[in-house]
N, C-alpha and C. Protein backbone atom coordinates (compact mmCIF):
# COMPACT_ATOMS: atom_id res chain seq x y z
N MET A 1 72.57 146.71 73.33
CA MET A 1 71.44 145.87 73.62
C MET A 1 71.50 144.58 72.80
N ILE A 2 71.87 144.69 71.56
CA ILE A 2 71.97 143.51 70.69
C ILE A 2 73.05 142.58 71.21
N GLU A 3 74.17 143.15 71.65
CA GLU A 3 75.26 142.33 72.20
C GLU A 3 74.80 141.55 73.43
N LEU A 4 74.06 142.18 74.29
CA LEU A 4 73.52 141.52 75.48
C LEU A 4 72.58 140.38 75.08
N PHE A 5 71.74 140.64 74.11
CA PHE A 5 70.80 139.62 73.62
C PHE A 5 71.56 138.44 73.02
N GLN A 6 72.64 138.69 72.26
CA GLN A 6 73.44 137.62 71.67
C GLN A 6 74.10 136.77 72.76
N LYS A 7 74.63 137.42 73.77
CA LYS A 7 75.26 136.69 74.88
C LYS A 7 74.25 135.83 75.61
N LEU A 8 73.05 136.36 75.79
CA LEU A 8 71.99 135.61 76.45
C LEU A 8 71.61 134.39 75.63
N LEU A 9 71.47 134.55 74.32
CA LEU A 9 71.16 133.41 73.45
C LEU A 9 72.27 132.36 73.49
N MET A 10 73.50 132.79 73.48
CA MET A 10 74.63 131.85 73.54
C MET A 10 74.63 131.11 74.87
N LEU A 11 74.36 131.83 75.95
CA LEU A 11 74.31 131.20 77.26
C LEU A 11 73.21 130.15 77.32
N LEU A 12 72.04 130.50 76.82
CA LEU A 12 70.92 129.56 76.84
C LEU A 12 71.15 128.35 75.94
N SER A 13 71.88 128.53 74.85
CA SER A 13 72.13 127.42 73.93
C SER A 13 73.34 126.60 74.32
N GLY A 14 74.08 127.03 75.35
CA GLY A 14 75.24 126.28 75.80
C GLY A 14 76.51 126.60 75.05
N LEU A 15 76.46 127.55 74.13
CA LEU A 15 77.64 127.93 73.38
C LEU A 15 78.45 128.95 74.17
N ARG A 16 79.74 128.93 73.92
CA ARG A 16 80.60 129.92 74.57
C ARG A 16 80.90 131.04 73.58
N PRO A 17 80.80 132.28 74.01
CA PRO A 17 81.19 133.36 73.10
C PRO A 17 82.70 133.37 72.91
N ALA A 18 83.12 133.89 71.78
CA ALA A 18 84.56 134.02 71.55
C ALA A 18 85.11 135.03 72.55
N PRO A 19 86.31 134.77 73.08
CA PRO A 19 86.87 135.72 74.04
C PRO A 19 87.15 137.06 73.36
N THR A 20 86.99 138.12 74.12
CA THR A 20 87.32 139.44 73.60
C THR A 20 88.83 139.60 73.59
N LYS A 21 89.29 140.68 73.05
CA LYS A 21 90.73 140.89 72.87
C LYS A 21 91.51 140.77 74.19
N ASN A 22 91.00 141.31 75.27
CA ASN A 22 91.73 141.30 76.53
C ASN A 22 91.22 140.27 77.53
N GLU A 23 90.33 139.40 77.09
CA GLU A 23 89.74 138.41 77.99
C GLU A 23 90.56 137.11 77.94
N PRO A 24 90.99 136.59 79.09
CA PRO A 24 91.75 135.34 79.08
C PRO A 24 90.86 134.16 78.69
N VAL A 25 91.45 133.19 78.05
CA VAL A 25 90.73 131.98 77.67
C VAL A 25 90.89 130.98 78.79
N LEU A 26 89.80 130.59 79.40
CA LEU A 26 89.82 129.59 80.47
C LEU A 26 89.07 128.36 79.99
N ASP A 27 89.79 127.31 79.74
CA ASP A 27 89.17 126.08 79.27
C ASP A 27 89.58 124.93 80.19
N ILE A 28 89.43 125.15 81.47
CA ILE A 28 89.86 124.18 82.48
C ILE A 28 88.65 123.41 82.97
N GLU A 29 88.74 122.12 82.90
CA GLU A 29 87.65 121.28 83.41
C GLU A 29 87.73 121.25 84.93
N PRO A 30 86.59 121.33 85.60
CA PRO A 30 86.62 121.22 87.07
C PRO A 30 86.96 119.79 87.49
N ASP A 31 87.51 119.67 88.68
CA ASP A 31 87.80 118.34 89.20
C ASP A 31 86.51 117.56 89.38
N PRO A 32 86.55 116.27 89.12
CA PRO A 32 85.34 115.45 89.30
C PRO A 32 84.96 115.34 90.77
N VAL A 33 83.67 115.15 91.02
CA VAL A 33 83.19 115.04 92.40
C VAL A 33 82.37 113.78 92.63
N ALA A 34 82.30 112.91 91.65
CA ALA A 34 81.55 111.66 91.78
C ALA A 34 82.19 110.61 90.88
N MET A 35 81.92 109.35 91.18
CA MET A 35 82.38 108.28 90.31
C MET A 35 81.49 108.25 89.07
N SER A 36 82.10 108.17 87.91
CA SER A 36 81.34 108.17 86.66
C SER A 36 80.72 106.79 86.38
N GLN A 37 79.86 106.75 85.38
CA GLN A 37 79.28 105.48 84.95
C GLN A 37 80.38 104.54 84.43
N GLU A 38 81.40 105.10 83.77
CA GLU A 38 82.51 104.27 83.29
C GLU A 38 83.22 103.60 84.48
N GLY A 39 83.48 104.37 85.51
CA GLY A 39 84.11 103.80 86.70
C GLY A 39 83.23 102.75 87.35
N GLN A 40 81.93 103.01 87.40
CA GLN A 40 81.01 102.05 88.01
C GLN A 40 80.93 100.75 87.20
N LYS A 41 81.14 100.83 85.89
CA LYS A 41 81.16 99.60 85.08
C LYS A 41 82.28 98.68 85.54
N VAL A 42 83.44 99.24 85.79
CA VAL A 42 84.58 98.44 86.26
C VAL A 42 84.28 97.88 87.65
N LEU A 43 83.83 98.72 88.55
CA LEU A 43 83.51 98.28 89.90
C LEU A 43 82.49 97.14 89.88
N LYS A 44 81.43 97.31 89.13
CA LYS A 44 80.35 96.31 89.09
C LYS A 44 80.82 95.01 88.43
N TYR A 45 81.68 95.12 87.43
CA TYR A 45 82.18 93.90 86.79
C TYR A 45 82.94 93.05 87.79
N PHE A 46 83.80 93.67 88.59
CA PHE A 46 84.64 92.90 89.50
C PHE A 46 83.97 92.60 90.83
N GLU A 47 83.04 93.40 91.26
CA GLU A 47 82.32 93.11 92.51
C GLU A 47 81.27 92.03 92.29
N SER A 48 80.56 92.12 91.21
CA SER A 48 79.37 91.33 90.92
C SER A 48 78.32 91.60 92.00
N CYS A 49 77.10 91.27 91.70
CA CYS A 49 76.00 91.57 92.62
C CYS A 49 75.33 90.29 93.07
N LYS A 50 75.25 90.13 94.37
CA LYS A 50 74.56 88.98 94.94
C LYS A 50 73.47 89.51 95.87
N LEU A 51 72.26 89.09 95.61
CA LEU A 51 71.12 89.63 96.35
C LEU A 51 70.84 88.90 97.66
N LYS A 52 71.53 87.79 97.88
CA LYS A 52 71.41 87.06 99.14
C LYS A 52 72.75 87.17 99.87
N ALA A 53 72.71 87.48 101.16
CA ALA A 53 73.93 87.69 101.95
C ALA A 53 74.82 86.45 101.90
N TYR A 54 76.14 86.70 101.84
CA TYR A 54 77.15 85.64 101.79
C TYR A 54 78.37 86.10 102.57
N TRP A 55 79.23 85.14 102.93
CA TRP A 55 80.50 85.48 103.59
C TRP A 55 81.47 85.99 102.54
N ASP A 56 82.24 87.04 102.88
CA ASP A 56 83.22 87.58 101.93
C ASP A 56 84.36 86.57 101.72
N ALA A 57 85.28 86.91 100.80
CA ALA A 57 86.37 86.00 100.42
C ALA A 57 87.23 85.59 101.60
N ASP A 58 87.39 86.48 102.58
CA ASP A 58 88.21 86.18 103.76
C ASP A 58 87.40 85.51 104.87
N GLY A 59 86.10 85.38 104.68
CA GLY A 59 85.26 84.79 105.72
C GLY A 59 85.14 85.67 106.95
N LYS A 60 85.23 86.99 106.77
CA LYS A 60 85.22 87.91 107.90
C LYS A 60 83.91 88.68 108.06
N ALA A 61 83.14 88.82 106.98
CA ALA A 61 81.96 89.68 107.07
C ALA A 61 80.85 89.21 106.14
N TRP A 62 79.63 89.36 106.59
CA TRP A 62 78.49 89.14 105.72
C TRP A 62 78.46 90.26 104.69
N THR A 63 78.17 89.89 103.45
CA THR A 63 78.21 90.82 102.33
C THR A 63 76.96 90.60 101.48
N VAL A 64 76.45 91.68 100.87
CA VAL A 64 75.27 91.57 100.00
C VAL A 64 75.36 92.65 98.93
N GLY A 65 74.63 92.49 97.85
CA GLY A 65 74.61 93.48 96.78
C GLY A 65 75.95 93.58 96.09
N TRP A 66 76.36 94.81 95.84
CA TRP A 66 77.64 95.08 95.18
C TRP A 66 78.77 95.16 96.21
N GLY A 67 78.92 94.13 97.03
CA GLY A 67 80.00 94.11 98.02
C GLY A 67 79.71 94.92 99.26
N HIS A 68 78.44 95.16 99.56
CA HIS A 68 78.06 95.96 100.73
C HIS A 68 78.22 95.13 102.01
N THR A 69 78.90 95.71 102.99
CA THR A 69 79.06 95.09 104.30
C THR A 69 78.61 96.07 105.37
N GLY A 70 78.42 95.60 106.55
CA GLY A 70 78.06 96.49 107.65
C GLY A 70 77.12 95.80 108.61
N PRO A 71 76.75 96.50 109.68
CA PRO A 71 75.90 95.89 110.71
C PRO A 71 74.50 95.54 110.21
N ASP A 72 74.09 96.13 109.10
CA ASP A 72 72.78 95.84 108.55
C ASP A 72 72.75 94.56 107.70
N VAL A 73 73.93 93.95 107.47
CA VAL A 73 74.01 92.74 106.66
C VAL A 73 74.18 91.54 107.59
N HIS A 74 73.32 90.55 107.41
CA HIS A 74 73.33 89.38 108.29
C HIS A 74 72.91 88.13 107.51
N GLU A 75 73.16 87.02 108.10
CA GLU A 75 72.79 85.74 107.49
C GLU A 75 71.30 85.74 107.15
N GLY A 76 70.98 85.25 105.95
CA GLY A 76 69.59 85.14 105.51
C GLY A 76 69.03 86.40 104.87
N LEU A 77 69.78 87.51 104.89
CA LEU A 77 69.29 88.76 104.30
C LEU A 77 69.18 88.62 102.79
N VAL A 78 68.05 89.01 102.25
CA VAL A 78 67.83 89.04 100.81
C VAL A 78 67.33 90.43 100.45
N ILE A 79 67.92 91.03 99.41
CA ILE A 79 67.52 92.37 98.97
C ILE A 79 67.16 92.33 97.49
N THR A 80 66.56 93.40 97.00
CA THR A 80 66.22 93.50 95.59
C THR A 80 67.38 94.15 94.83
N GLN A 81 67.33 94.06 93.51
CA GLN A 81 68.35 94.72 92.68
C GLN A 81 68.32 96.22 92.92
N ALA A 82 67.13 96.80 93.03
CA ALA A 82 67.01 98.24 93.27
C ALA A 82 67.67 98.62 94.60
N GLN A 83 67.50 97.78 95.63
CA GLN A 83 68.13 98.06 96.92
C GLN A 83 69.65 97.95 96.81
N ALA A 84 70.13 96.95 96.07
CA ALA A 84 71.58 96.79 95.89
C ALA A 84 72.17 98.01 95.18
N ASP A 85 71.50 98.49 94.14
CA ASP A 85 71.98 99.66 93.41
C ASP A 85 71.95 100.90 94.30
N GLN A 86 70.91 101.04 95.11
CA GLN A 86 70.80 102.19 96.01
C GLN A 86 71.91 102.17 97.07
N LEU A 87 72.16 100.99 97.64
CA LEU A 87 73.24 100.86 98.63
C LEU A 87 74.58 101.26 98.02
N LEU A 88 74.83 100.85 96.79
CA LEU A 88 76.08 101.21 96.12
C LEU A 88 76.16 102.72 95.94
N ARG A 89 75.12 103.34 95.42
CA ARG A 89 75.12 104.79 95.22
C ARG A 89 75.37 105.53 96.53
N GLN A 90 74.68 105.09 97.59
CA GLN A 90 74.84 105.75 98.89
C GLN A 90 76.26 105.63 99.41
N ARG A 91 76.83 104.43 99.35
CA ARG A 91 78.19 104.24 99.88
C ARG A 91 79.23 104.99 99.05
N LEU A 92 79.03 105.02 97.74
CA LEU A 92 79.96 105.77 96.90
C LEU A 92 79.91 107.26 97.25
N SER A 93 78.72 107.81 97.35
CA SER A 93 78.60 109.26 97.56
C SER A 93 78.89 109.69 98.99
N ARG A 94 78.65 108.84 99.96
CA ARG A 94 78.84 109.22 101.36
C ARG A 94 80.20 108.81 101.93
N GLU A 95 80.75 107.73 101.41
CA GLU A 95 81.95 107.17 102.03
C GLU A 95 83.16 107.15 101.10
N PHE A 96 83.03 106.54 99.94
CA PHE A 96 84.21 106.26 99.14
C PHE A 96 84.71 107.44 98.31
N VAL A 97 83.82 108.14 97.62
CA VAL A 97 84.28 109.31 96.86
C VAL A 97 84.82 110.38 97.82
N PRO A 98 84.10 110.74 98.89
CA PRO A 98 84.68 111.73 99.81
C PRO A 98 85.98 111.24 100.45
N GLY A 99 86.08 109.95 100.74
CA GLY A 99 87.30 109.40 101.34
C GLY A 99 88.49 109.52 100.41
N VAL A 100 88.27 109.29 99.13
CA VAL A 100 89.35 109.43 98.15
C VAL A 100 89.69 110.91 97.98
N LEU A 101 88.69 111.73 97.77
CA LEU A 101 88.95 113.15 97.53
C LEU A 101 89.64 113.83 98.71
N SER A 102 89.35 113.39 99.92
CA SER A 102 89.99 114.01 101.08
C SER A 102 91.48 113.68 101.16
N ALA A 103 91.91 112.63 100.50
CA ALA A 103 93.32 112.24 100.52
C ALA A 103 94.12 112.87 99.38
N ILE A 104 93.43 113.38 98.38
CA ILE A 104 94.09 113.90 97.18
C ILE A 104 94.30 115.40 97.31
N THR A 105 95.52 115.83 97.02
CA THR A 105 95.86 117.24 97.21
C THR A 105 96.13 117.98 95.90
N ARG A 106 95.91 117.33 94.77
CA ARG A 106 96.10 118.02 93.49
C ARG A 106 94.96 117.66 92.55
N SER A 107 94.86 118.37 91.45
CA SER A 107 93.81 118.12 90.48
C SER A 107 93.92 116.72 89.92
N LEU A 108 92.78 116.17 89.56
CA LEU A 108 92.77 114.84 88.97
C LEU A 108 91.71 114.76 87.90
N ALA A 109 91.88 113.81 87.01
CA ALA A 109 90.93 113.57 85.93
C ALA A 109 89.87 112.58 86.39
N GLN A 110 88.76 112.55 85.68
CA GLN A 110 87.67 111.65 86.04
C GLN A 110 88.13 110.19 86.08
N HIS A 111 88.90 109.76 85.08
CA HIS A 111 89.34 108.37 85.03
C HIS A 111 90.27 108.03 86.20
N GLU A 112 91.04 109.00 86.67
CA GLU A 112 91.89 108.77 87.83
C GLU A 112 91.05 108.61 89.09
N LEU A 113 90.07 109.49 89.27
CA LEU A 113 89.17 109.36 90.42
C LEU A 113 88.45 108.02 90.38
N ASP A 114 87.94 107.64 89.22
CA ASP A 114 87.20 106.38 89.10
C ASP A 114 88.04 105.19 89.55
N ALA A 115 89.27 105.13 89.08
CA ALA A 115 90.14 104.01 89.44
C ALA A 115 90.46 104.01 90.93
N MET A 116 90.71 105.19 91.48
CA MET A 116 91.03 105.28 92.91
C MET A 116 89.82 104.92 93.77
N VAL A 117 88.63 105.32 93.36
CA VAL A 117 87.43 104.96 94.12
C VAL A 117 87.21 103.45 94.07
N ASP A 118 87.44 102.83 92.92
CA ASP A 118 87.28 101.38 92.85
C ASP A 118 88.27 100.69 93.78
N LEU A 119 89.49 101.16 93.82
CA LEU A 119 90.48 100.59 94.73
C LEU A 119 90.03 100.77 96.18
N ALA A 120 89.63 101.99 96.54
CA ALA A 120 89.19 102.26 97.92
C ALA A 120 87.97 101.42 98.28
N TYR A 121 87.07 101.22 97.34
CA TYR A 121 85.88 100.40 97.60
C TYR A 121 86.29 98.97 97.94
N ASN A 122 87.35 98.52 97.33
CA ASN A 122 87.80 97.14 97.52
C ASN A 122 88.69 96.96 98.75
N ILE A 123 89.54 97.94 99.05
CA ILE A 123 90.50 97.78 100.15
C ILE A 123 90.13 98.57 101.40
N GLY A 124 89.20 99.49 101.27
CA GLY A 124 88.80 100.35 102.38
C GLY A 124 89.44 101.73 102.28
N VAL A 125 88.72 102.72 102.76
CA VAL A 125 89.17 104.10 102.67
C VAL A 125 90.46 104.31 103.46
N GLY A 126 90.55 103.75 104.66
CA GLY A 126 91.74 103.94 105.49
C GLY A 126 93.00 103.43 104.81
N ALA A 127 92.92 102.23 104.26
CA ALA A 127 94.09 101.66 103.57
C ALA A 127 94.43 102.50 102.34
N PHE A 128 93.42 102.96 101.64
CA PHE A 128 93.68 103.80 100.48
C PHE A 128 94.38 105.09 100.89
N GLN A 129 93.84 105.77 101.90
CA GLN A 129 94.37 107.07 102.29
C GLN A 129 95.83 107.01 102.75
N SER A 130 96.23 105.90 103.33
CA SER A 130 97.61 105.78 103.82
C SER A 130 98.52 105.08 102.82
N SER A 131 98.05 104.89 101.59
CA SER A 131 98.81 104.13 100.60
C SER A 131 99.93 104.93 99.93
N THR A 132 100.90 104.22 99.43
CA THR A 132 101.97 104.81 98.64
C THR A 132 101.40 105.37 97.34
N LEU A 133 100.35 104.78 96.83
CA LEU A 133 99.70 105.27 95.62
C LEU A 133 99.28 106.73 95.82
N VAL A 134 98.63 107.03 96.93
CA VAL A 134 98.20 108.40 97.22
C VAL A 134 99.41 109.32 97.35
N ARG A 135 100.41 108.87 98.07
CA ARG A 135 101.62 109.69 98.26
C ARG A 135 102.26 110.03 96.91
N LYS A 136 102.39 109.03 96.04
CA LYS A 136 103.01 109.26 94.73
C LYS A 136 102.14 110.17 93.86
N PHE A 137 100.85 109.93 93.86
CA PHE A 137 99.95 110.76 93.05
C PHE A 137 100.03 112.22 93.50
N ASN A 138 99.94 112.44 94.81
CA ASN A 138 99.99 113.80 95.34
C ASN A 138 101.32 114.49 95.05
N ALA A 139 102.38 113.71 94.93
CA ALA A 139 103.70 114.26 94.61
C ALA A 139 103.88 114.52 93.11
N GLY A 140 102.86 114.17 92.31
CA GLY A 140 102.94 114.40 90.87
C GLY A 140 103.48 113.23 90.09
N ASP A 141 103.72 112.10 90.73
CA ASP A 141 104.25 110.91 90.07
C ASP A 141 103.08 110.02 89.62
N THR A 142 102.44 110.41 88.53
CA THR A 142 101.27 109.69 88.05
C THR A 142 101.62 108.28 87.60
N ASP A 143 102.74 108.11 86.91
CA ASP A 143 103.14 106.77 86.47
C ASP A 143 103.45 105.87 87.66
N GLY A 144 104.13 106.41 88.65
CA GLY A 144 104.41 105.64 89.86
C GLY A 144 103.14 105.26 90.59
N ALA A 145 102.19 106.18 90.65
CA ALA A 145 100.90 105.90 91.27
C ALA A 145 100.17 104.79 90.51
N ALA A 146 100.21 104.85 89.19
CA ALA A 146 99.56 103.82 88.37
C ALA A 146 100.13 102.44 88.68
N ASP A 147 101.44 102.36 88.84
CA ASP A 147 102.07 101.06 89.13
C ASP A 147 101.69 100.53 90.51
N GLU A 148 101.34 101.42 91.42
CA GLU A 148 100.97 101.00 92.78
C GLU A 148 99.67 100.19 92.80
N PHE A 149 98.79 100.39 91.83
CA PHE A 149 97.55 99.60 91.80
C PHE A 149 97.86 98.11 91.81
N LEU A 150 98.88 97.72 91.07
CA LEU A 150 99.20 96.29 90.90
C LEU A 150 99.66 95.64 92.20
N ARG A 151 100.08 96.43 93.18
CA ARG A 151 100.56 95.88 94.45
C ARG A 151 99.42 95.39 95.34
N TRP A 152 98.18 95.87 95.09
CA TRP A 152 97.03 95.53 95.93
C TRP A 152 96.34 94.28 95.39
N ASN A 153 97.07 93.17 95.38
CA ASN A 153 96.57 91.94 94.77
C ASN A 153 96.42 90.79 95.77
N ARG A 154 96.45 91.09 97.06
CA ARG A 154 96.41 90.04 98.08
C ARG A 154 95.16 90.15 98.95
N SER A 155 94.73 89.00 99.41
CA SER A 155 93.65 88.92 100.40
C SER A 155 94.02 87.79 101.34
N GLY A 156 94.03 88.09 102.62
CA GLY A 156 94.44 87.09 103.59
C GLY A 156 95.87 86.63 103.38
N GLY A 157 96.72 87.51 102.85
CA GLY A 157 98.12 87.18 102.62
C GLY A 157 98.38 86.41 101.34
N ARG A 158 97.34 86.05 100.61
CA ARG A 158 97.51 85.27 99.36
C ARG A 158 97.24 86.15 98.15
N VAL A 159 98.07 85.99 97.12
CA VAL A 159 97.81 86.66 95.85
C VAL A 159 96.64 85.94 95.19
N LEU A 160 95.63 86.71 94.80
CA LEU A 160 94.44 86.15 94.17
C LEU A 160 94.35 86.60 92.72
N LEU A 161 94.02 85.67 91.85
CA LEU A 161 93.89 85.98 90.43
C LEU A 161 92.82 87.06 90.21
N GLY A 162 91.72 86.97 90.91
CA GLY A 162 90.66 87.97 90.76
C GLY A 162 91.14 89.37 91.10
N LEU A 163 91.98 89.48 92.13
CA LEU A 163 92.52 90.79 92.50
C LEU A 163 93.59 91.26 91.51
N ARG A 164 94.37 90.34 90.98
CA ARG A 164 95.34 90.70 89.95
C ARG A 164 94.61 91.26 88.73
N ARG A 165 93.50 90.64 88.36
CA ARG A 165 92.72 91.11 87.22
C ARG A 165 92.11 92.48 87.50
N ARG A 166 91.54 92.65 88.69
CA ARG A 166 90.90 93.92 89.04
C ARG A 166 91.92 95.04 89.09
N ARG A 167 93.08 94.79 89.67
CA ARG A 167 94.09 95.83 89.76
C ARG A 167 94.62 96.21 88.38
N LYS A 168 94.76 95.26 87.48
CA LYS A 168 95.18 95.58 86.10
C LYS A 168 94.13 96.48 85.46
N ALA A 169 92.85 96.16 85.66
CA ALA A 169 91.77 96.99 85.11
C ALA A 169 91.80 98.38 85.73
N ASP A 170 92.00 98.46 87.05
CA ASP A 170 92.07 99.76 87.72
C ASP A 170 93.22 100.59 87.16
N ARG A 171 94.38 99.95 86.98
CA ARG A 171 95.54 100.67 86.45
C ARG A 171 95.25 101.20 85.05
N CYS A 172 94.64 100.37 84.21
CA CYS A 172 94.31 100.80 82.85
C CYS A 172 93.30 101.95 82.86
N LEU A 173 92.28 101.83 83.70
CA LEU A 173 91.30 102.90 83.83
C LEU A 173 91.97 104.19 84.30
N PHE A 174 92.84 104.08 85.29
CA PHE A 174 93.58 105.23 85.83
C PHE A 174 94.38 105.93 84.74
N LEU A 175 94.93 105.14 83.82
CA LEU A 175 95.75 105.71 82.74
C LEU A 175 94.93 106.19 81.55
N GLY A 176 93.59 106.03 81.62
CA GLY A 176 92.75 106.65 80.62
C GLY A 176 92.04 105.75 79.64
N THR A 177 92.12 104.43 79.79
CA THR A 177 91.37 103.58 78.88
C THR A 177 89.88 103.63 79.22
N THR A 178 89.06 103.18 78.31
CA THR A 178 87.63 103.10 78.59
C THR A 178 87.39 101.95 79.56
N ALA A 179 86.21 101.92 80.13
CA ALA A 179 85.86 100.83 81.05
C ALA A 179 85.90 99.49 80.32
N ALA A 180 85.38 99.44 79.11
CA ALA A 180 85.36 98.18 78.35
C ALA A 180 86.78 97.67 78.10
N GLU A 181 87.69 98.59 77.72
CA GLU A 181 89.08 98.19 77.49
C GLU A 181 89.74 97.75 78.80
N ALA A 182 89.50 98.48 79.87
CA ALA A 182 90.09 98.14 81.16
C ALA A 182 89.63 96.77 81.63
N ILE A 183 88.34 96.50 81.49
CA ILE A 183 87.80 95.20 81.89
C ILE A 183 88.41 94.09 81.04
N ALA A 184 88.49 94.30 79.74
CA ALA A 184 89.06 93.28 78.84
C ALA A 184 90.52 93.00 79.19
N LEU A 185 91.29 94.06 79.43
CA LEU A 185 92.70 93.87 79.76
C LEU A 185 92.85 93.20 81.12
N GLY A 186 92.01 93.57 82.06
CA GLY A 186 92.06 92.92 83.38
C GLY A 186 91.65 91.46 83.30
N ALA A 187 90.59 91.18 82.57
CA ALA A 187 90.10 89.80 82.45
C ALA A 187 91.11 88.89 81.74
N ALA A 188 91.99 89.48 80.94
CA ALA A 188 92.99 88.69 80.21
C ALA A 188 94.17 88.25 81.06
N VAL A 189 94.29 88.79 82.28
CA VAL A 189 95.41 88.41 83.15
C VAL A 189 95.25 86.95 83.55
N THR A 190 96.36 86.21 83.42
CA THR A 190 96.31 84.77 83.76
C THR A 190 97.25 84.46 84.91
């Protein structure tokens, strides 16, 4: 009875009991299922937030908030910061995180998911899913996958400094740096 009470107290306090003699030690972190705040810091730094609709860099789509596009975005649209943040959360949870996770066939760390979601948010889920980056990552070539981020630096056929900076930050985040370090290293690209 005392042993049961001790286990209950440990469970309630968040402590793990020491494994018994024949009990295996399992200290495996579950795969992430959402973009972390660290990942969102990188995304928000490079997307920036505009509360009035504008044409995207390629002049192809009306965009508002944190890079939100779609049939609901039109000329003259103005939203609040709260609406921009909500749109980002919805698109991450409904479209981009599931789109990335559906393409990945092996375990991944939170920082890897964060970097891949930022890339998918910028290039689109379809382009991400069919990328060499995904193929290399799924094959276990993490370093090769990291190098693939740097290839996604073009818009409209032109290499853009902003994309070179973002991809450097994504690569650094993917390899495990903090968001602040990734942003600083990306911003330093000339």
